[in-house]
C-alpha atoms as a PDB file:
ATOM      1  CA  UNK A   1     221.027 166.211 161.126  1.00  0.00           C
ATOM      2  CA  UNK A   2     222.600 166.531 157.781  1.00  0.00           C
ATOM      3  CA  UNK A   3     221.020 169.132 155.417  1.00  0.00           C
ATOM      4  CA  UNK A   4     220.903 168.034 151.490  1.00  0.00           C
ATOM      5  CA  UNK A   5     219.233 170.522 149.033  1.00  0.00           C
ATOM      6  CA  UNK A   6     218.440 169.461 145.889  1.00  0.00           C
ATOM      7  CA  UNK A   7     218.264 171.628 142.810  1.00  0.00           C
ATOM      8  CA  UNK A   8     217.808 171.673 138.944  1.00  0.00           C
ATOM      9  CA  UNK A   9     214.378 170.032 138.546  1.00  0.00           C
ATOM     10  CA  UNK A  10     212.278 171.135 136.090  1.00  0.00           C
ATOM     11  CA  UNK A  11     210.450 170.629 132.557  1.00  0.00           C
ATOM     12  CA  UNK A  12     212.122 169.132 129.915  1.00  0.00           C
ATOM     13  CA  UNK A  13     211.214 167.942 126.471  1.00  0.00           C
ATOM     14  CA  UNK A  14     211.949 163.946 125.823  1.00  0.00           C
ATOM     15  CA  UNK A  15     215.365 163.576 124.482  1.00  0.00           C
ATOM     16  CA  UNK A  16     216.402 166.653 126.324  1.00  0.00           C
ATOM     17  CA  UNK A  17     218.893 166.759 129.775  1.00  0.00           C
ATOM     18  CA  UNK A  18     218.977 168.288 132.933  1.00  0.00           C
ATOM     19  CA  UNK A  19     221.377 168.152 135.368  1.00  0.00           C
ATOM     20  CA  UNK A  20     220.422 167.989 139.334  1.00  0.00           C
ATOM     21  CA  UNK A  21     222.761 169.060 142.064  1.00  0.00           C
ATOM     22  CA  UNK A  22     222.682 168.459 145.774  1.00  0.00           C
ATOM     23  CA  UNK A  23     224.614 170.399 148.035  1.00  0.00           C
ATOM     24  CA  UNK A  24     225.274 168.816 151.707  1.00  0.00           C
ATOM     25  CA  UNK A  25     226.049 171.036 154.952  1.00  0.00           C
ATOM     26  CA  UNK A  26     229.125 169.233 156.105  1.00  0.00           C
ATOM     27  CA  UNK A  27     231.974 167.382 154.279  1.00  0.00           C
ATOM     28  CA  UNK A  28     230.564 164.202 151.916  1.00  0.00           C
ATOM     29  CA  UNK A  29     233.472 162.377 152.084  1.00  0.00           C
ATOM     30  CA  UNK A  30     232.538 161.624 155.744  1.00  0.00           C
ATOM     31  CA  UNK A  31     229.653 159.915 154.319  1.00  0.00           C
ATOM     32  CA  UNK A  32     230.083 155.680 153.009  1.00  0.00           C
ATOM     33  CA  UNK A  33     228.153 156.515 149.891  1.00  0.00           C
ATOM     34  CA  UNK A  34     225.475 159.295 148.145  1.00  0.00           C
ATOM     35  CA  UNK A  35     222.771 158.492 145.887  1.00  0.00           C
ATOM     36  CA  UNK A  36     220.151 159.747 144.265  1.00  0.00           C
ATOM     37  CA  UNK A  37     216.764 157.884 144.366  1.00  0.00           C
ATOM     38  CA  UNK A  38     213.274 159.103 142.455  1.00  0.00           C
ATOM     39  CA  UNK A  39     209.462 158.336 143.221  1.00  0.00           C
ATOM     40  CA  UNK A  40     206.494 158.395 141.103  1.00  0.00           C
ATOM     41  CA  UNK A  41     203.193 159.140 143.183  1.00  0.00           C
ATOM     42  CA  UNK A  42     201.832 155.872 144.674  1.00  0.00           C
ATOM     43  CA  UNK A  43     204.482 154.404 143.822  1.00  0.00           C
ATOM     44  CA  UNK A  44     207.584 153.241 145.924  1.00  0.00           C
ATOM     45  CA  UNK A  45     210.799 155.083 146.290  1.00  0.00           C
ATOM     46  CA  UNK A  46     213.861 153.864 143.709  1.00  0.00           C
ATOM     47  CA  UNK A  47     217.324 154.339 143.794  1.00  0.00           C
ATOM     48  CA  UNK A  48     218.762 155.856 140.376  1.00  0.00           C
ATOM     49  CA  UNK A  49     222.256 156.086 141.029  1.00  0.00           C
ATOM     50  CA  UNK A  50     225.099 155.418 144.050  1.00  0.00           C
ATOM     51  CA  UNK A  51     228.362 156.686 144.183  1.00  0.00           C
ATOM     52  CA  UNK A  52     230.720 155.633 147.366  1.00  0.00           C
ATOM     53  CA  UNK A  53     233.183 158.009 149.207  1.00  0.00           C
ATOM     54  CA  UNK A  54     235.666 157.021 145.967  1.00  0.00           C
ATOM     55  CA  UNK A  55     234.780 156.662 142.888  1.00  0.00           C
ATOM     56  CA  UNK A  56     232.373 153.796 142.440  1.00  0.00           C
ATOM     57  CA  UNK A  57     228.972 153.885 140.555  1.00  0.00           C
ATOM     58  CA  UNK A  58     226.165 151.681 140.289  1.00  0.00           C
ATOM     59  CA  UNK A  59     223.550 152.506 138.054  1.00  0.00           C
ATOM     60  CA  UNK A  60     219.699 151.168 137.722  1.00  0.00           C
ATOM     61  CA  UNK A  61     219.377 149.480 134.475  1.00  0.00           C
ATOM     62  CA  UNK A  62     216.802 151.879 133.522  1.00  0.00           C
ATOM     63  CA  UNK A  63     219.165 154.496 133.347  1.00  0.00           C
ATOM     64  CA  UNK A  64     222.279 153.214 132.064  1.00  0.00           C
ATOM     65  CA  UNK A  65     223.905 154.904 129.599  1.00  0.00           C
ATOM     66  CA  UNK A  66     221.772 157.721 129.900  1.00  0.00           C
ATOM     67  CA  UNK A  67     222.519 159.037 133.601  1.00  0.00           C
ATOM     68  CA  UNK A  68     225.700 160.080 135.147  1.00  0.00           C
ATOM     69  CA  UNK A  69     226.332 160.585 138.688  1.00  0.00           C
ATOM     70  CA  UNK A  70     229.518 162.565 140.037  1.00  0.00           C
ATOM     71  CA  UNK A  71     230.653 164.249 143.043  1.00  0.00           C
ATOM     72  CA  UNK A  72     232.754 166.915 143.915  1.00  0.00           C
ATOM     73  CA  UNK A  73     234.155 166.834 147.574  1.00  0.00           C
ATOM     74  CA  UNK A  74     235.800 170.206 147.808  1.00  0.00           C
ATOM     75  CA  UNK A  75     232.548 171.771 146.975  1.00  0.00           C
ATOM     76  CA  UNK A  76     230.115 169.266 148.815  1.00  0.00           C
ATOM     77  CA  UNK A  77     228.413 168.919 145.794  1.00  0.00           C
ATOM     78  CA  UNK A  78     226.707 165.339 144.537  1.00  0.00           C
ATOM     79  CA  UNK A  79     225.359 165.801 140.678  1.00  0.00           C
ATOM     80  CA  UNK A  80     223.307 163.648 138.658  1.00  0.00           C
ATOM     81  CA  UNK A  81     223.286 164.423 134.948  1.00  0.00           C
ATOM     82  CA  UNK A  82     220.515 163.232 132.939  1.00  0.00           C
ATOM     83  CA  UNK A  83     220.256 163.251 129.236  1.00  0.00           C
ATOM     84  CA  UNK A  84     218.234 161.351 126.946  1.00  0.00           C
ATOM     85  CA  UNK A  85     215.096 161.844 129.211  1.00  0.00           C
ATOM     86  CA  UNK A  86     211.833 159.581 128.536  1.00  0.00           C
ATOM     87  CA  UNK A  87     208.529 160.345 129.986  1.00  0.00           C
ATOM     88  CA  UNK A  88     209.097 157.282 132.525  1.00  0.00           C
ATOM     89  CA  UNK A  89     211.966 159.557 133.942  1.00  0.00           C
ATOM     90  CA  UNK A  90     208.995 162.069 135.648  1.00  0.00           C
ATOM     91  CA  UNK A  91     208.976 162.040 139.572  1.00  0.00           C
ATOM     92  CA  UNK A  92     210.486 163.122 142.230  1.00  0.00           C
ATOM     93  CA  UNK A  93     214.291 162.755 142.882  1.00  0.00           C
ATOM     94  CA  UNK A  94     215.775 162.682 145.825  1.00  0.00           C
ATOM     95  CA  UNK A  95     219.086 163.036 146.988  1.00  0.00           C
ATOM     96  CA  UNK A  96     220.707 160.913 149.673  1.00  0.00           C
ATOM     97  CA  UNK A  97     223.480 159.972 151.847  1.00  0.00           C
ATOM     98  CA  UNK A  98     224.721 157.356 154.556  1.00  0.00           C
ATOM     99  CA  UNK A  99     226.977 157.622 157.003  1.00  0.00           C
ATOM    100  CA  UNK A 100     229.972 155.210 157.380  1.00  0.00           C
ATOM    101  CA  UNK A 101     228.145 152.673 160.128  1.00  0.00           C
ATOM    102  CA  UNK A 102     225.450 153.152 157.452  1.00  0.00           C
ATOM    103  CA  UNK A 103     222.610 153.482 160.660  1.00  0.00           C
ATOM    104  CA  UNK A 104     220.878 156.050 158.867  1.00  0.00           C
ATOM    105  CA  UNK A 105     219.706 157.403 155.750  1.00  0.00           C
ATOM    106  CA  UNK A 106     219.482 161.395 154.905  1.00  0.00           C
ATOM    107  CA  UNK A 107     217.219 162.921 152.563  1.00  0.00           C
ATOM    108  CA  UNK A 108     216.808 166.031 150.878  1.00  0.00           C
ATOM    109  CA  UNK A 109     213.364 167.623 150.615  1.00  0.00           C
ATOM    110  CA  UNK A 110     213.264 166.227 146.854  1.00  0.00           C
ATOM    111  CA  UNK A 111     212.985 168.194 143.395  1.00  0.00           C
ATOM    112  CA  UNK A 112     210.410 167.306 140.423  1.00  0.00           C
ATOM    113  CA  UNK A 113     211.500 166.252 137.320  1.00  0.00           C
ATOM    114  CA  UNK A 114     208.656 166.103 134.550  1.00  0.00           C
ATOM    115  CA  UNK A 115     209.981 164.967 131.050  1.00  0.00           C
ATOM    116  CA  UNK A 116     206.859 166.050 128.321  1.00  0.00           C
ATOM    117  CA  UNK A 117     206.225 167.441 125.420  1.00  0.00           C
END
């Protein structure tokens, strides 16, 4: 079982920035891709950003131009730099990884991000 651990969440004012981090317990280059999802209580979990084993990235329309996903293969780390945060970005953010055969989804425990004045 893959272990993913998120950190970096917290309370931030609208317009502020946060950087989320996700540590994997193995070489992340072994994954097909990694992603950040978020979920608001009572709503479906949604993908925020994804990065493949190379450098290709994809973003939800709602965060394009404000969020940046990146990774450091040497440190087995995934990041999400969030800027110009809005109250609607408030959610629990989850780190996700998929193996090369795409038969599984691995999840972290989540980290709360609250955007409020």
